[in-house]
Amino acid sequence: MYMNEGNMATAFMGAFGLFFVFLWVVLLILWIILPFYIFGIKGIMKDILEEQKKTNELLKDMLYKKNAADISTNKTNEPKQD
């Protein structure tokens, strides 16, 4: 009827045991799914890297054109000396 210390300890061990079994099952499922997720994201990362390379080339071209325009018009960012 009433729970003594022995029964309470067993009840807590059962609850925590059930929690840890649930936790292990979740971790096992994640451990199995993780490689598929990583290999699936590799293609996306390759696409992102390719786009980043294109962006860097465009920025480099813009910088070269700006520098060429500044040189042809003799514009410099140096302060004028009086």
PDB file of N, CA and C in Angstrom:
ATOM      1  N   MET A   1       0.801  -1.184   0.000  1.00  0.00           N
ATOM      2  CA  MET A   1       0.000   0.000   0.000  1.00  0.00           C
ATOM      3  C   MET A   1       0.851   1.258   0.000  1.00  0.00           C
ATOM      4  N   TYR A   2       1.633   1.411   1.066  1.00  0.00           N
ATOM      5  CA  TYR A   2       2.522   2.560   1.109  1.00  0.00           C
ATOM      6  C   TYR A   2       3.864   2.174   0.516  1.00  0.00           C
ATOM      7  N   MET A   3       4.516   3.171  -0.084  1.00  0.00           N
ATOM      8  CA  MET A   3       5.813   2.885  -0.678  1.00  0.00           C
ATOM      9  C   MET A   3       6.891   3.115   0.358  1.00  0.00           C
ATOM     10  N   ASN A   4       7.697   2.130   0.576  1.00  0.00           N
ATOM     11  CA  ASN A   4       8.848   2.332   1.454  1.00  0.00           C
ATOM     12  C   ASN A   4      10.054   2.666   0.596  1.00  0.00           C
ATOM     13  N   GLU A   5      11.203   2.800   1.220  1.00  0.00           N
ATOM     14  CA  GLU A   5      12.397   3.213   0.480  1.00  0.00           C
ATOM     15  C   GLU A   5      12.763   2.228  -0.618  1.00  0.00           C
ATOM     16  N   GLY A   6      12.633   0.989  -0.394  1.00  0.00           N
ATOM     17  CA  GLY A   6      12.978  -0.019  -1.390  1.00  0.00           C
ATOM     18  C   GLY A   6      12.106   0.077  -2.624  1.00  0.00           C
ATOM     19  N   ASN A   7      10.827   0.254  -2.424  1.00  0.00           N
ATOM     20  CA  ASN A   7       9.918   0.360  -3.563  1.00  0.00           C
ATOM     21  C   ASN A   7      10.107   1.667  -4.317  1.00  0.00           C
ATOM     22  N   MET A   8      10.417   2.753  -3.594  1.00  0.00           N
ATOM     23  CA  MET A   8      10.657   4.034  -4.258  1.00  0.00           C
ATOM     24  C   MET A   8      11.905   3.974  -5.113  1.00  0.00           C
ATOM     25  N   ALA A   9      12.947   3.351  -4.604  1.00  0.00           N
ATOM     26  CA  ALA A   9      14.189   3.237  -5.374  1.00  0.00           C
ATOM     27  C   ALA A   9      13.938   2.428  -6.639  1.00  0.00           C
ATOM     28  N   THR A  10      13.173   1.375  -6.521  1.00  0.00           N
ATOM     29  CA  THR A  10      12.854   0.559  -7.692  1.00  0.00           C
ATOM     30  C   THR A  10      12.025   1.359  -8.694  1.00  0.00           C
ATOM     31  N   ALA A  11      11.090   2.139  -8.198  1.00  0.00           N
ATOM     32  CA  ALA A  11      10.257   2.952  -9.084  1.00  0.00           C
ATOM     33  C   ALA A  11      11.103   3.991  -9.813  1.00  0.00           C
ATOM     34  N   PHE A  12      12.020   4.642  -9.091  1.00  0.00           N
ATOM     35  CA  PHE A  12      12.883   5.631  -9.745  1.00  0.00           C
ATOM     36  C   PHE A  12      13.821   4.967 -10.739  1.00  0.00           C
ATOM     37  N   MET A  13      14.355   3.807 -10.368  1.00  0.00           N
ATOM     38  CA  MET A  13      15.247   3.118 -11.291  1.00  0.00           C
ATOM     39  C   MET A  13      14.488   2.712 -12.548  1.00  0.00           C
ATOM     40  N   GLY A  14      13.251   2.308 -12.399  1.00  0.00           N
ATOM     41  CA  GLY A  14      12.451   1.945 -13.565  1.00  0.00           C
ATOM     42  C   GLY A  14      12.176   3.135 -14.460  1.00  0.00           C
ATOM     43  N   ALA A  15      11.872   4.289 -13.860  1.00  0.00           N
ATOM     44  CA  ALA A  15      11.595   5.494 -14.646  1.00  0.00           C
ATOM     45  C   ALA A  15      12.858   5.978 -15.342  1.00  0.00           C
ATOM     46  N   PHE A  16      13.962   6.026 -14.604  1.00  0.00           N
ATOM     47  CA  PHE A  16      15.215   6.471 -15.219  1.00  0.00           C
ATOM     48  C   PHE A  16      15.726   5.455 -16.232  1.00  0.00           C
ATOM     49  N   GLY A  17      15.522   4.183 -15.948  1.00  0.00           N
ATOM     50  CA  GLY A  17      15.919   3.157 -16.907  1.00  0.00           C
ATOM     51  C   GLY A  17      15.150   3.288 -18.200  1.00  0.00           C
ATOM     52  N   LEU A  18      13.865   3.531 -18.097  1.00  0.00           N
ATOM     53  CA  LEU A  18      13.040   3.728 -19.282  1.00  0.00           C
ATOM     54  C   LEU A  18      13.487   4.968 -20.055  1.00  0.00           C
ATOM     55  N   PHE A  19      13.823   6.028 -19.330  1.00  0.00           N
ATOM     56  CA  PHE A  19      14.318   7.250 -19.974  1.00  0.00           C
ATOM     57  C   PHE A  19      15.627   6.974 -20.716  1.00  0.00           C
ATOM     58  N   PHE A  20      16.549   6.247 -20.077  1.00  0.00           N
ATOM     59  CA  PHE A  20      17.838   5.980 -20.721  1.00  0.00           C
ATOM     60  C   PHE A  20      17.691   5.025 -21.902  1.00  0.00           C
ATOM     61  N   VAL A  21      16.790   4.091 -21.841  1.00  0.00           N
ATOM     62  CA  VAL A  21      16.531   3.222 -22.991  1.00  0.00           C
ATOM     63  C   VAL A  21      15.990   4.065 -24.142  1.00  0.00           C
ATOM     64  N   PHE A  22      15.059   4.957 -23.849  1.00  0.00           N
ATOM     65  CA  PHE A  22      14.522   5.852 -24.879  1.00  0.00           C
ATOM     66  C   PHE A  22      15.638   6.718 -25.465  1.00  0.00           C
ATOM     67  N   LEU A  23      16.504   7.255 -24.603  1.00  0.00           N
ATOM     68  CA  LEU A  23      17.623   8.085 -25.057  1.00  0.00           C
ATOM     69  C   LEU A  23      18.562   7.285 -25.962  1.00  0.00           C
ATOM     70  N   TRP A  24      18.879   6.063 -25.586  1.00  0.00           N
ATOM     71  CA  TRP A  24      19.762   5.225 -26.397  1.00  0.00           C
ATOM     72  C   TRP A  24      19.124   4.910 -27.750  1.00  0.00           C
ATOM     73  N   VAL A  25      17.840   4.674 -27.778  1.00  0.00           N
ATOM     74  CA  VAL A  25      17.158   4.394 -29.044  1.00  0.00           C
ATOM     75  C   VAL A  25      17.226   5.620 -29.960  1.00  0.00           C
ATOM     76  N   VAL A  26      16.990   6.798 -29.409  1.00  0.00           N
ATOM     77  CA  VAL A  26      17.068   8.031 -30.199  1.00  0.00           C
ATOM     78  C   VAL A  26      18.488   8.231 -30.726  1.00  0.00           C
ATOM     79  N   LEU A  27      19.485   8.038 -29.872  1.00  0.00           N
ATOM     80  CA  LEU A  27      20.876   8.195 -30.309  1.00  0.00           C
ATOM     81  C   LEU A  27      21.251   7.157 -31.361  1.00  0.00           C
ATOM     82  N   LEU A  28      20.768   5.947 -31.225  1.00  0.00           N
ATOM     83  CA  LEU A  28      21.047   4.908 -32.213  1.00  0.00           C
ATOM     84  C   LEU A  28      20.438   5.276 -33.568  1.00  0.00           C
ATOM     85  N   ILE A  29      19.217   5.775 -33.561  1.00  0.00           N
ATOM     86  CA  ILE A  29      18.573   6.184 -34.811  1.00  0.00           C
ATOM     87  C   ILE A  29      19.346   7.337 -35.456  1.00  0.00           C
ATOM     88  N   LEU A  30      19.751   8.315 -34.653  1.00  0.00           N
ATOM     89  CA  LEU A  30      20.540   9.430 -35.189  1.00  0.00           C
ATOM     90  C   LEU A  30      21.874   8.942 -35.737  1.00  0.00           C
ATOM     91  N   TRP A  31      22.501   7.995 -35.056  1.00  0.00           N
ATOM     92  CA  TRP A  31      23.798   7.464 -35.477  1.00  0.00           C
ATOM     93  C   TRP A  31      23.669   6.745 -36.823  1.00  0.00           C
ATOM     94  N   ILE A  32      22.543   6.079 -37.039  1.00  0.00           N
ATOM     95  CA  ILE A  32      22.330   5.381 -38.304  1.00  0.00           C
ATOM     96  C   ILE A  32      22.012   6.371 -39.422  1.00  0.00           C
ATOM     97  N   ILE A  33      21.249   7.417 -39.135  1.00  0.00           N
ATOM     98  CA  ILE A  33      20.820   8.381 -40.148  1.00  0.00           C
ATOM     99  C   ILE A  33      21.933   9.372 -40.519  1.00  0.00           C
ATOM    100  N   LEU A  34      22.824   9.678 -39.606  1.00  0.00           N
ATOM    101  CA  LEU A  34      23.839  10.717 -39.806  1.00  0.00           C
ATOM    102  C   LEU A  34      24.681  10.530 -41.071  1.00  0.00           C
ATOM    103  N   PRO A  35      25.211   9.347 -41.366  1.00  0.00           N
ATOM    104  CA  PRO A  35      26.018   9.222 -42.601  1.00  0.00           C
ATOM    105  C   PRO A  35      25.239   9.562 -43.864  1.00  0.00           C
ATOM    106  N   PHE A  36      23.970   9.173 -43.913  1.00  0.00           N
ATOM    107  CA  PHE A  36      23.175   9.491 -45.096  1.00  0.00           C
ATOM    108  C   PHE A  36      22.972  11.000 -45.225  1.00  0.00           C
ATOM    109  N   TYR A  37      22.807  11.669 -44.104  1.00  0.00           N
ATOM    110  CA  TYR A  37      22.653  13.122 -44.107  1.00  0.00           C
ATOM    111  C   TYR A  37      23.936  13.790 -44.604  1.00  0.00           C
ATOM    112  N   ILE A  38      25.074  13.319 -44.114  1.00  0.00           N
ATOM    113  CA  ILE A  38      26.361  13.920 -44.501  1.00  0.00           C
ATOM    114  C   ILE A  38      26.611  13.723 -45.992  1.00  0.00           C
ATOM    115  N   PHE A  39      26.390  12.504 -46.488  1.00  0.00           N
ATOM    116  CA  PHE A  39      26.612  12.271 -47.915  1.00  0.00           C
ATOM    117  C   PHE A  39      25.601  13.014 -48.772  1.00  0.00           C
ATOM    118  N   GLY A  40      24.418  13.230 -48.263  1.00  0.00           N
ATOM    119  CA  GLY A  40      23.418  13.994 -48.997  1.00  0.00           C
ATOM    120  C   GLY A  40      23.769  15.463 -49.091  1.00  0.00           C
ATOM    121  N   ILE A  41      24.437  15.980 -48.088  1.00  0.00           N
ATOM    122  CA  ILE A  41      24.761  17.406 -48.068  1.00  0.00           C
ATOM    123  C   ILE A  41      26.039  17.706 -48.854  1.00  0.00           C
ATOM    124  N   LYS A  42      26.816  16.667 -49.197  1.00  0.00           N
ATOM    125  CA  LYS A  42      28.052  16.903 -49.951  1.00  0.00           C
ATOM    126  C   LYS A  42      27.785  17.560 -51.300  1.00  0.00           C
ATOM    127  N   GLY A  43      26.748  17.134 -51.999  1.00  0.00           N
ATOM    128  CA  GLY A  43      26.422  17.733 -53.292  1.00  0.00           C
ATOM    129  C   GLY A  43      26.030  19.191 -53.152  1.00  0.00           C
ATOM    130  N   ILE A  44      25.266  19.486 -52.124  1.00  0.00           N
ATOM    131  CA  ILE A  44      24.862  20.873 -51.876  1.00  0.00           C
ATOM    132  C   ILE A  44      26.086  21.728 -51.572  1.00  0.00           C
ATOM    133  N   MET A  45      27.005  21.191 -50.791  1.00  0.00           N
ATOM    134  CA  MET A  45      28.216  21.951 -50.450  1.00  0.00           C
ATOM    135  C   MET A  45      29.078  22.198 -51.690  1.00  0.00           C
ATOM    136  N   LYS A  46      29.127  21.220 -52.609  1.00  0.00           N
ATOM    137  CA  LYS A  46      29.878  21.421 -53.857  1.00  0.00           C
ATOM    138  C   LYS A  46      29.260  22.545 -54.679  1.00  0.00           C
ATOM    139  N   ASP A  47      27.927  22.584 -54.737  1.00  0.00           N
ATOM    140  CA  ASP A  47      27.237  23.655 -55.473  1.00  0.00           C
ATOM    141  C   ASP A  47      27.524  25.019 -54.844  1.00  0.00           C
ATOM    142  N   ILE A  48      27.487  25.081 -53.535  1.00  0.00           N
ATOM    143  CA  ILE A  48      27.758  26.340 -52.833  1.00  0.00           C
ATOM    144  C   ILE A  48      29.187  26.790 -53.087  1.00  0.00           C
ATOM    145  N   LEU A  49      30.133  25.850 -53.052  1.00  0.00           N
ATOM    146  CA  LEU A  49      31.531  26.189 -53.295  1.00  0.00           C
ATOM    147  C   LEU A  49      31.733  26.709 -54.712  1.00  0.00           C
ATOM    148  N   GLU A  50      31.066  26.096 -55.678  1.00  0.00           N
ATOM    149  CA  GLU A  50      31.170  26.551 -57.069  1.00  0.00           C
ATOM    150  C   GLU A  50      30.617  27.965 -57.224  1.00  0.00           C
ATOM    151  N   GLU A  51      29.476  28.239 -56.608  1.00  0.00           N
ATOM    152  CA  GLU A  51      28.898  29.585 -56.671  1.00  0.00           C
ATOM    153  C   GLU A  51      29.807  30.606 -55.989  1.00  0.00           C
ATOM    154  N   GLN A  52      30.440  30.200 -54.898  1.00  0.00           N
ATOM    155  CA  GLN A  52      31.349  31.114 -54.204  1.00  0.00           C
ATOM    156  C   GLN A  52      32.559  31.439 -55.076  1.00  0.00           C
ATOM    157  N   LYS A  53      33.055  30.444 -55.805  1.00  0.00           N
ATOM    158  CA  LYS A  53      34.184  30.690 -56.709  1.00  0.00           C
ATOM    159  C   LYS A  53      33.784  31.666 -57.814  1.00  0.00           C
ATOM    160  N   LYS A  54      32.563  31.494 -58.358  1.00  0.00           N
ATOM    161  CA  LYS A  54      32.080  32.421 -59.391  1.00  0.00           C
ATOM    162  C   LYS A  54      31.973  33.837 -58.837  1.00  0.00           C
ATOM    163  N   THR A  55      31.454  33.957 -57.615  1.00  0.00           N
ATOM    164  CA  THR A  55      31.315  35.274 -56.993  1.00  0.00           C
ATOM    165  C   THR A  55      32.676  35.915 -56.785  1.00  0.00           C
ATOM    166  N   ASN A  56      33.648  35.139 -56.342  1.00  0.00           N
ATOM    167  CA  ASN A  56      34.992  35.680 -56.137  1.00  0.00           C
ATOM    168  C   ASN A  56      35.600  36.160 -57.452  1.00  0.00           C
ATOM    169  N   GLU A  57      35.380  35.406 -58.536  1.00  0.00           N
ATOM    170  CA  GLU A  57      35.895  35.833 -59.837  1.00  0.00           C
ATOM    171  C   GLU A  57      35.230  37.137 -60.282  1.00  0.00           C
ATOM    172  N   LEU A  58      33.918  37.250 -60.085  1.00  0.00           N
ATOM    173  CA  LEU A  58      33.220  38.490 -60.448  1.00  0.00           C
ATOM    174  C   LEU A  58      33.738  39.672 -59.631  1.00  0.00           C
ATOM    175  N   LEU A  59      33.943  39.455 -58.347  1.00  0.00           N
ATOM    176  CA  LEU A  59      34.469  40.531 -57.506  1.00  0.00           C
ATOM    177  C   LEU A  59      35.883  40.915 -57.917  1.00  0.00           C
ATOM    178  N   LYS A  60      36.686  39.928 -58.281  1.00  0.00           N
ATOM    179  CA  LYS A  60      38.048  40.211 -58.729  1.00  0.00           C
ATOM    180  C   LYS A  60      38.022  41.033 -60.014  1.00  0.00           C
ATOM    181  N   ASP A  61      37.142  40.664 -60.954  1.00  0.00           N
ATOM    182  CA  ASP A  61      37.012  41.422 -62.197  1.00  0.00           C
ATOM    183  C   ASP A  61      36.561  42.853 -61.927  1.00  0.00           C
ATOM    184  N   MET A  62      35.601  43.015 -61.013  1.00  0.00           N
ATOM    185  CA  MET A  62      35.136  44.369 -60.673  1.00  0.00           C
ATOM    186  C   MET A  62      36.268  45.197 -60.080  1.00  0.00           C
ATOM    187  N   LEU A  63      37.080  44.582 -59.243  1.00  0.00           N
ATOM    188  CA  LEU A  63      38.200  45.301 -58.630  1.00  0.00           C
ATOM    189  C   LEU A  63      39.224  45.706 -59.688  1.00  0.00           C
ATOM    190  N   TYR A  64      39.538  44.780 -60.611  1.00  0.00           N
ATOM    191  CA  TYR A  64      40.488  45.109 -61.675  1.00  0.00           C
ATOM    192  C   TYR A  64      39.971  46.241 -62.559  1.00  0.00           C
ATOM    193  N   LYS A  65      38.675  46.198 -62.890  1.00  0.00           N
ATOM    194  CA  LYS A  65      38.101  47.267 -63.712  1.00  0.00           C
ATOM    195  C   LYS A  65      38.133  48.603 -62.976  1.00  0.00           C
ATOM    196  N   LYS A  66      37.840  48.595 -61.676  1.00  0.00           N
ATOM    197  CA  LYS A  66      37.876  49.841 -60.902  1.00  0.00           C
ATOM    198  C   LYS A  66      39.290  50.389 -60.842  1.00  0.00           C
ATOM    199  N   ASN A  67      40.253  49.505 -60.586  1.00  0.00           N
ATOM    200  CA  ASN A  67      41.645  49.956 -60.530  1.00  0.00           C
ATOM    201  C   ASN A  67      42.114  50.481 -61.875  1.00  0.00           C
ATOM    202  N   ALA A  68      41.702  49.825 -62.955  1.00  0.00           N
ATOM    203  CA  ALA A  68      42.085  50.297 -64.294  1.00  0.00           C
ATOM    204  C   ALA A  68      41.460  51.650 -64.576  1.00  0.00           C
ATOM    205  N   ALA A  69      40.218  51.857 -64.175  1.00  0.00           N
ATOM    206  CA  ALA A  69      39.561  53.142 -64.386  1.00  0.00           C
ATOM    207  C   ALA A  69      40.228  54.222 -63.545  1.00  0.00           C
ATOM    208  N   ASP A  70      40.612  53.913 -62.323  1.00  0.00           N
ATOM    209  CA  ASP A  70      41.281  54.890 -61.465  1.00  0.00           C
ATOM    210  C   ASP A  70      42.642  55.266 -62.027  1.00  0.00           C
ATOM    211  N   ILE A  71      43.347  54.289 -62.570  1.00  0.00           N
ATOM    212  CA  ILE A  71      44.670  54.570 -63.132  1.00  0.00           C
ATOM    213  C   ILE A  71      44.539  55.417 -64.392  1.00  0.00           C
ATOM    214  N   SER A  72      43.541  55.110 -65.233  1.00  0.00           N
ATOM    215  CA  SER A  72      43.394  55.852 -66.488  1.00  0.00           C
ATOM    216  C   SER A  72      42.955  57.293 -66.241  1.00  0.00           C
ATOM    217  N   THR A  73      42.252  57.550 -65.149  1.00  0.00           N
ATOM    218  CA  THR A  73      41.830  58.919 -64.855  1.00  0.00           C
ATOM    219  C   THR A  73      42.725  59.562 -63.804  1.00  0.00           C
ATOM    220  N   ASN A  74      43.803  58.890 -63.433  1.00  0.00           N
ATOM    221  CA  ASN A  74      44.753  59.358 -62.428  1.00  0.00           C
ATOM    222  C   ASN A  74      44.086  59.650 -61.093  1.00  0.00           C
ATOM    223  N   LYS A  75      43.075  58.899 -60.740  1.00  0.00           N
ATOM    224  CA  LYS A  75      42.453  59.036 -59.430  1.00  0.00           C
ATOM    225  C   LYS A  75      43.224  58.173 -58.450  1.00  0.00           C
ATOM    226  N   THR A  76      43.532  58.753 -57.351  1.00  0.00           N
ATOM    227  CA  THR A  76      44.154  57.979 -56.291  1.00  0.00           C
ATOM    228  C   THR A  76      43.448  58.341 -54.988  1.00  0.00           C
ATOM    229  N   ASN A  77      43.602  57.521 -54.031  1.00  0.00           N
ATOM    230  CA  ASN A  77      42.989  57.780 -52.740  1.00  0.00           C
ATOM    231  C   ASN A  77      43.955  58.511 -51.807  1.00  0.00           C
ATOM    232  N   GLU A  78      45.049  58.992 -52.342  1.00  0.00           N
ATOM    233  CA  GLU A  78      46.005  59.706 -51.508  1.00  0.00           C
ATOM    234  C   GLU A  78      45.509  61.138 -51.294  1.00  0.00           C
ATOM    235  N   PRO A  79      45.725  61.696 -50.117  1.00  0.00           N
ATOM    236  CA  PRO A  79      45.287  63.082 -49.877  1.00  0.00           C
ATOM    237  C   PRO A  79      46.141  64.055 -50.691  1.00  0.00           C
ATOM    238  N   LYS A  80      45.519  65.140 -51.100  1.00  0.00           N
ATOM    239  CA  LYS A  80      46.237  66.162 -51.870  1.00  0.00           C
ATOM    240  C   LYS A  80      47.144  66.952 -50.949  1.00  0.00           C
ATOM    241  N   GLN A  81      48.322  67.247 -51.451  1.00  0.00           N
ATOM    242  CA  GLN A  81      49.251  68.048 -50.656  1.00  0.00           C
ATOM    243  C   GLN A  81      49.160  69.509 -51.117  1.00  0.00           C
ATOM    244  N   ASP A  82      49.037  70.392 -50.174  1.00  0.00           N
ATOM    245  CA  ASP A  82      48.953  71.815 -50.513  1.00  0.00           C
ATOM    246  C   ASP A  82      50.284  72.486 -50.488  1.00  0.00           C
TER     247      ASP A  82
END
